[in-house]
Amino acid sequence: MTAVVQRGARDPARPTTRSGVGPPLRLSPLGFGASQGGNLYRATSDEQFAAAVDTAWAGGIRYFDTAPHYGLGLSERRLGAALRSRPRGEYVVSTKVGRLLVPSPETAHRRDPEGFDVPADHRRAWDFSRDGVRRSLEASLRRTGLDRIDVVYLHDPDEHWGQAAREAIPALVELREQGVIGAVGAGMNQSAMLARFVAETDVDVVMCAGRYTLLEQGALTDLLPVAQARHVGVVVAGVYNSGLLARDMPPTDAVYDYQQAPAEVIDHARRIARVCQMYGVTLPQAALAFVRRHPAVVSTVVGMRDQAQVTETLRRSDVDVPDQLWAALYDEGLLDVQP
């Protein structure tokens, strides 16, 4: 079953510049995050990535997320190649704008300094201007080889609110009205500014990474209420908090928010894991199930590198988690959400 992002389904009191409403976007409950197709942390072969997409497709995944940032365009090229022969009306692709890729031949002999195992033959340049948004999208269309992009997110505009709100969002809205893209959004590792985008701009969907998980629920106080009220879909990414919740029992060297997790955070996650074990589910199974419970959440995007990771993620996603678990976690002070 797919979740629906109904473009134009807005609170009547909310001002909008939109002149028409397109068909709804249908997002599969589980989305494929393609950052690892950009060689995040280590190399992935073309064959591994293609097999991952094939396995995801066979498992019913129809939402695929990428970005120019991921491997300096490698993720977009690989994803486009893997999807190109499939029926275009059967899947949704999202990419991001805000980081232009600028050729950098003088650094091509080095490795990318931002965590991707690729040559640093381009550099990233922040640009949320109208022209920058259009140039970024045109480049993404060339790299993917697709005829259109379904969802375009602003990518981490944390330090660029003014230009993002005044130029980037209106530029994307204009492209949406022209039918060039399907939906407008923003993706961030925080929830407060996403809530502001929902409240003050004409976005359809936002991607929140790491701020609404089984470990922490900060988005409950800002983003999720306003998104639900204004009928804006929320895609949850970073459901494992950078890996901390990805194993049945978090190890001492677990990563949280892309760095070594503090001891107290690991202890908190382990306490959650022990309660999960009492109810016959694993920590990652519970992590996936928890975020889907909120009515504003329309999909959960998980980064997957190869066939084995996709198979395991599909297996985890298919587990029925008893409601009693959430009550037990709340009673233990490990969950902010009262069942």
Protein backbone atom coordinates (compact mmCIF):
# COMPACT_ATOMS: atom_id res chain seq x y z
CA MET A 1 0.00 0.00 0.00
CA THR A 2 1.30 3.46 -0.82
CA ALA A 3 0.92 6.70 1.09
CA VAL A 4 -0.42 9.68 -0.80
CA VAL A 5 0.98 13.20 -0.85
CA GLN A 6 -1.97 15.19 -2.18
CA ARG A 7 -0.53 18.25 -3.82
CA GLY A 8 -2.69 21.23 -3.19
CA ALA A 9 -4.57 19.64 -0.27
CA ARG A 10 -4.06 22.65 1.95
CA ASP A 11 -5.77 24.18 4.92
CA PRO A 12 -8.23 26.68 3.35
CA ALA A 13 -6.85 29.41 5.59
CA ARG A 14 -3.36 28.94 4.20
CA PRO A 15 -2.42 31.34 1.39
CA THR A 16 -1.13 29.69 -1.78
CA THR A 17 0.05 30.91 -5.14
CA ARG A 18 -0.84 27.66 -6.82
CA SER A 19 -3.27 27.90 -9.71
CA GLY A 20 -3.96 24.19 -10.08
CA VAL A 21 -3.61 20.82 -8.42
CA GLY A 22 -1.77 17.94 -10.01
CA PRO A 23 -2.34 14.25 -9.38
CA PRO A 24 -1.25 12.90 -6.01
CA LEU A 25 2.23 11.55 -5.44
CA ARG A 26 2.14 7.98 -4.22
CA LEU A 27 5.06 7.14 -1.95
CA SER A 28 5.72 3.58 -0.92
CA PRO A 29 5.86 3.22 2.90
CA LEU A 30 9.52 2.24 2.60
CA GLY A 31 11.77 4.42 0.47
CA PHE A 32 15.20 3.65 -0.99
CA GLY A 33 17.90 6.09 0.10
CA ALA A 34 20.62 6.19 -2.57
CA SER A 35 23.41 7.99 -0.70
CA GLN A 36 25.41 4.77 -0.53
CA GLY A 37 25.15 4.56 -4.30
CA GLY A 38 27.39 7.61 -4.18
CA ASN A 39 30.06 5.56 -2.37
CA LEU A 40 29.24 6.91 1.07
CA TYR A 41 32.16 5.94 3.36
CA ARG A 42 33.35 3.19 0.98
CA ALA A 43 33.13 2.13 -2.63
CA THR A 44 30.09 0.36 -4.04
CA SER A 45 30.21 -1.17 -7.52
CA ASP A 46 27.75 -0.40 -10.27
CA GLU A 47 26.66 -4.03 -10.16
CA GLN A 48 26.04 -3.98 -6.39
CA PHE A 49 23.93 -0.85 -6.63
CA ALA A 50 21.92 -2.10 -9.61
CA ALA A 51 21.20 -5.35 -7.74
CA ALA A 52 20.07 -3.32 -4.73
CA VAL A 53 17.57 -1.37 -6.86
CA ASP A 54 16.36 -4.60 -8.51
CA THR A 55 15.77 -6.18 -5.10
CA ALA A 56 14.02 -3.08 -3.81
CA TRP A 57 11.73 -3.05 -6.84
CA ALA A 58 10.90 -6.72 -6.41
CA GLY A 59 10.08 -6.00 -2.76
CA GLY A 60 7.56 -3.28 -3.66
CA ILE A 61 9.67 -0.17 -3.05
CA ARG A 62 8.65 2.57 -5.46
CA TYR A 63 10.16 5.69 -3.87
CA PHE A 64 13.84 6.45 -4.51
CA ASP A 65 15.76 9.42 -3.06
CA THR A 66 19.08 10.84 -4.23
CA ALA A 67 21.01 14.13 -4.38
CA PRO A 68 23.91 15.76 -6.27
CA HIS A 69 25.80 15.83 -2.95
CA TYR A 70 25.91 12.02 -2.83
CA GLY A 71 29.18 11.10 -4.46
CA LEU A 72 29.39 14.33 -6.46
CA GLY A 73 26.66 13.16 -8.81
CA LEU A 74 27.52 9.44 -8.81
CA SER A 75 24.36 8.47 -6.92
CA GLU A 76 22.14 10.33 -9.40
CA ARG A 77 23.85 8.72 -12.39
CA ARG A 78 23.56 5.23 -10.94
CA LEU A 79 19.96 5.64 -9.83
CA GLY A 80 18.88 7.01 -13.19
CA ALA A 81 20.54 4.11 -14.98
CA ALA A 82 18.91 1.57 -12.67
CA LEU A 83 15.41 3.01 -13.14
CA ARG A 84 15.48 4.10 -16.75
CA SER A 85 14.01 0.92 -18.22
CA ARG A 86 11.15 0.74 -15.71
CA PRO A 87 7.66 2.21 -16.29
CA ARG A 88 8.03 5.90 -15.45
CA GLY A 89 4.57 6.20 -13.98
CA GLU A 90 5.20 3.47 -11.43
CA TYR A 91 7.87 5.11 -9.26
CA VAL A 92 8.69 8.38 -7.53
CA VAL A 93 12.16 9.96 -7.55
CA SER A 94 13.30 12.80 -5.35
CA THR A 95 16.51 14.76 -5.57
CA LYS A 96 17.78 17.95 -3.98
CA VAL A 97 18.98 21.44 -4.83
CA GLY A 98 21.15 23.95 -3.01
CA ARG A 99 24.60 22.51 -3.70
CA LEU A 100 25.87 23.14 -7.21
CA LEU A 101 28.64 20.85 -8.45
CA VAL A 102 31.47 22.97 -9.85
CA PRO A 103 34.33 21.33 -11.83
CA SER A 104 37.56 21.26 -9.82
CA PRO A 105 40.30 19.66 -11.94
CA GLU A 106 42.97 20.95 -9.59
CA THR A 107 41.72 18.61 -6.83
CA ALA A 108 40.77 15.62 -9.00
CA HIS A 109 43.75 13.61 -7.71
CA ARG A 110 42.34 13.73 -4.16
CA ARG A 111 39.36 11.94 -2.59
CA ASP A 112 36.15 13.79 -1.79
CA PRO A 113 36.55 15.36 1.69
CA GLU A 114 32.87 14.97 2.61
CA GLY A 115 32.75 11.24 3.20
CA PHE A 116 32.24 9.81 -0.28
CA ASP A 117 34.83 7.51 -1.85
CA VAL A 118 35.03 9.35 -5.17
CA PRO A 119 37.60 11.64 -6.82
CA ALA A 120 37.28 15.27 -5.74
CA ASP A 121 36.91 16.38 -9.37
CA HIS A 122 34.07 18.72 -8.41
CA ARG A 123 33.42 20.96 -5.43
CA ARG A 124 30.09 21.82 -3.85
CA ALA A 125 28.94 25.45 -3.94
CA TRP A 126 25.97 26.56 -1.85
CA ASP A 127 23.39 28.30 -4.02
CA PHE A 128 19.69 28.73 -3.16
CA SER A 129 19.11 31.46 -5.73
CA ARG A 130 16.46 31.12 -8.41
CA ASP A 131 19.13 30.61 -11.05
CA GLY A 132 21.06 28.18 -8.87
CA VAL A 133 17.96 26.05 -8.27
CA ARG A 134 17.22 25.84 -11.97
CA ARG A 135 20.83 25.04 -12.88
CA SER A 136 20.97 22.33 -10.23
CA LEU A 137 17.76 20.71 -11.43
CA GLU A 138 18.87 20.81 -15.07
CA ALA A 139 22.12 19.08 -14.09
CA SER A 140 20.23 16.44 -12.10
CA LEU A 141 18.00 15.69 -15.11
CA ARG A 142 21.10 15.23 -17.27
CA ARG A 143 22.79 12.96 -14.74
CA THR A 144 19.75 10.78 -14.13
CA GLY A 145 18.61 10.76 -17.74
CA LEU A 146 15.02 10.91 -16.49
CA ASP A 147 12.33 13.01 -18.12
CA ARG A 148 11.27 14.62 -14.85
CA ILE A 149 11.92 14.71 -11.11
CA ASP A 150 8.89 14.02 -8.94
CA VAL A 151 10.00 15.70 -5.70
CA VAL A 152 12.68 18.37 -5.32
CA TYR A 153 13.91 19.16 -1.82
CA LEU A 154 16.06 22.07 -0.68
CA HIS A 155 19.11 20.31 0.75
CA ASP A 156 20.18 21.42 4.24
CA PRO A 157 19.37 25.14 3.96
CA ASP A 158 20.18 25.66 7.67
CA GLU A 159 22.36 28.74 7.12
CA HIS A 160 20.39 30.06 4.15
CA TRP A 161 16.82 30.62 5.34
CA GLY A 162 16.43 34.05 3.70
CA GLN A 163 17.49 33.07 0.20
CA ALA A 164 15.85 29.64 0.47
CA ALA A 165 12.47 31.09 1.43
CA ARG A 166 12.57 34.16 -0.86
CA GLU A 167 14.13 32.63 -3.98
CA ALA A 168 14.48 28.85 -3.92
CA ILE A 169 10.96 27.88 -2.85
CA PRO A 170 9.24 30.32 -5.25
CA ALA A 171 11.47 29.03 -8.07
CA LEU A 172 10.44 25.45 -7.34
CA VAL A 173 6.77 26.42 -7.01
CA GLU A 174 6.99 28.02 -10.46
CA LEU A 175 8.50 24.81 -11.88
CA ARG A 176 5.78 22.78 -10.18
CA GLU A 177 3.06 24.92 -11.71
CA GLN A 178 4.68 24.46 -15.11
CA GLY A 179 4.66 20.69 -14.63
CA VAL A 180 8.46 20.43 -14.72
CA ILE A 181 8.55 18.88 -11.24
CA GLY A 182 5.87 17.18 -9.20
CA ALA A 183 6.28 18.49 -5.68
CA VAL A 184 8.30 20.99 -3.62
CA GLY A 185 10.00 20.27 -0.33
CA ALA A 186 12.95 20.70 2.01
CA GLY A 187 15.18 18.11 3.65
CA MET A 188 17.16 18.73 6.83
CA ASN A 189 18.73 17.19 9.91
CA GLN A 190 16.65 19.47 12.12
CA SER A 191 12.93 19.89 12.61
CA ALA A 192 12.52 23.52 13.72
CA MET A 193 13.31 25.11 10.36
CA LEU A 194 11.34 22.44 8.53
CA ALA A 195 8.35 23.46 10.64
CA ARG A 196 8.94 27.02 9.53
CA PHE A 197 9.01 25.98 5.86
CA VAL A 198 5.70 24.18 6.37
CA ALA A 199 4.12 27.15 8.14
CA GLU A 200 5.44 29.95 5.92
CA THR A 201 5.97 28.53 2.42
CA ASP A 202 4.10 26.44 -0.14
CA VAL A 203 5.84 23.09 0.30
CA ASP A 204 4.15 19.75 -0.33
CA VAL A 205 6.43 17.44 1.62
CA VAL A 206 9.49 17.65 3.87
CA MET A 207 12.21 15.16 4.71
CA CYS A 208 13.26 15.07 8.37
CA ALA A 209 16.45 13.14 9.12
CA GLY A 210 17.17 11.88 12.61
CA ARG A 211 14.83 14.11 14.60
CA TYR A 212 11.90 11.76 14.79
CA THR A 213 13.15 8.31 15.73
CA LEU A 214 12.74 5.69 18.40
CA LEU A 215 15.64 7.37 20.19
CA GLU A 216 14.51 10.99 20.02
CA GLN A 217 11.24 12.68 19.15
CA GLY A 218 12.06 16.38 18.93
CA ALA A 219 9.91 16.79 15.82
CA LEU A 220 6.83 16.10 17.93
CA THR A 221 7.00 19.59 19.40
CA ASP A 222 7.34 21.58 16.17
CA LEU A 223 7.28 19.87 12.77
CA LEU A 224 4.76 17.07 13.05
CA PRO A 225 1.85 19.09 14.48
CA VAL A 226 2.09 21.86 11.87
CA ALA A 227 2.62 19.36 9.04
CA GLN A 228 -0.47 17.44 10.07
CA ALA A 229 -2.53 20.61 10.40
CA ARG A 230 -1.49 21.92 6.98
CA HIS A 231 -1.65 18.56 5.19
CA VAL A 232 2.05 18.49 4.35
CA GLY A 233 3.60 15.04 4.17
CA VAL A 234 6.65 14.15 6.26
CA VAL A 235 9.23 11.69 4.98
CA VAL A 236 11.36 10.35 7.83
CA ALA A 237 15.02 9.62 7.08
CA GLY A 238 17.86 8.74 9.43
CA VAL A 239 15.53 6.33 11.23
CA TYR A 240 18.56 4.54 12.74
CA ASN A 241 20.21 7.79 13.90
CA SER A 242 23.29 7.18 11.69
CA GLY A 243 23.54 3.53 12.71
CA LEU A 244 23.00 3.60 16.46
CA LEU A 245 19.64 1.81 16.13
CA ALA A 246 20.66 -0.41 13.21
CA ARG A 247 21.80 -3.39 15.30
CA ASP A 248 19.92 -5.55 17.77
CA MET A 249 22.20 -4.26 20.55
CA PRO A 250 24.22 -1.06 19.97
CA PRO A 251 28.00 -1.65 20.25
CA THR A 252 30.38 0.55 22.20
CA ASP A 253 31.67 2.13 18.96
CA ALA A 254 28.19 2.97 17.64
CA VAL A 255 27.78 6.06 15.49
CA TYR A 256 25.19 8.72 16.27
CA ASP A 257 24.65 11.79 14.08
CA TYR A 258 27.67 10.83 11.96
CA GLN A 259 30.13 10.65 14.85
CA GLN A 260 31.02 8.44 17.80
CA ALA A 261 27.98 8.17 20.06
CA PRO A 262 28.38 9.44 23.63
CA ALA A 263 28.25 6.73 26.30
CA GLU A 264 24.96 7.99 27.73
CA VAL A 265 23.30 7.87 24.32
CA ILE A 266 24.49 4.29 23.77
CA ASP A 267 23.16 3.36 27.19
CA HIS A 268 19.77 4.88 26.37
CA ALA A 269 19.60 2.95 23.10
CA ARG A 270 20.58 -0.28 24.84
CA ARG A 271 17.80 0.18 27.37
CA ILE A 272 15.34 0.53 24.50
CA ALA A 273 16.80 -2.59 22.87
CA ARG A 274 16.31 -4.66 26.04
CA VAL A 275 12.64 -3.69 26.27
CA CYS A 276 12.21 -4.55 22.58
CA GLN A 277 13.68 -8.01 23.25
CA MET A 278 11.06 -8.60 25.93
CA TYR A 279 8.38 -8.20 23.25
CA GLY A 280 10.06 -10.39 20.65
CA VAL A 281 11.25 -7.68 18.29
CA THR A 282 14.66 -6.24 17.51
CA LEU A 283 15.76 -2.65 17.94
CA PRO A 284 15.88 -1.91 14.17
CA GLN A 285 12.49 -3.54 13.63
CA ALA A 286 10.99 -1.32 16.30
CA ALA A 287 12.80 1.74 14.92
CA LEU A 288 11.17 1.28 11.52
CA ALA A 289 7.73 0.54 12.95
CA PHE A 290 7.70 3.43 15.41
CA VAL A 291 8.05 6.32 12.97
CA ARG A 292 5.23 5.05 10.76
CA ARG A 293 2.72 5.36 13.56
CA HIS A 294 2.41 9.13 13.25
CA PRO A 295 -0.33 10.19 10.79
CA ALA A 296 1.84 12.93 9.25
CA VAL A 297 4.53 10.44 8.16
CA VAL A 298 4.05 9.35 4.54
CA SER A 299 7.23 7.32 3.99
CA THR A 300 10.44 6.18 5.66
CA VAL A 301 13.65 6.40 3.64
CA VAL A 302 16.46 3.99 4.53
CA GLY A 303 19.90 4.11 2.94
CA MET A 304 20.74 0.79 1.28
CA ARG A 305 23.96 -0.24 -0.45
CA ASP A 306 23.50 -3.74 -1.83
CA GLN A 307 21.10 -6.65 -2.25
CA ALA A 308 21.74 -8.00 1.26
CA GLN A 309 20.94 -4.66 2.92
CA VAL A 310 17.74 -4.29 0.93
CA THR A 311 16.64 -7.81 1.77
CA GLU A 312 17.28 -7.25 5.48
CA THR A 313 15.49 -3.88 5.46
CA LEU A 314 12.45 -5.39 3.77
CA ARG A 315 12.42 -8.18 6.34
CA ARG A 316 12.62 -5.72 9.22
CA SER A 317 9.88 -3.60 7.70
CA ASP A 318 7.49 -6.54 7.45
CA VAL A 319 7.41 -7.34 11.19
CA ASP A 320 4.29 -6.73 13.27
CA VAL A 321 5.30 -4.87 16.41
CA PRO A 322 2.90 -5.23 19.36
CA ASP A 323 1.34 -2.01 20.65
CA GLN A 324 2.28 -3.07 24.17
CA LEU A 325 5.91 -2.30 23.36
CA TRP A 326 5.23 1.42 22.97
CA ALA A 327 3.39 1.51 26.28
CA ALA A 328 6.27 -0.30 27.98
CA LEU A 329 8.85 2.12 26.55
CA TYR A 330 6.75 5.08 27.65
CA ASP A 331 6.34 3.67 31.16
CA GLU A 332 10.13 3.23 31.37
CA GLY A 333 10.68 6.87 30.41
CA LEU A 334 12.30 5.83 27.13
CA LEU A 335 9.69 7.31 24.80
CA ASP A 336 8.14 10.78 24.71
CA VAL A 337 5.00 9.64 22.92
CA GLN A 338 2.18 8.45 25.13
CA PRO A 339 0.48 5.44 23.47
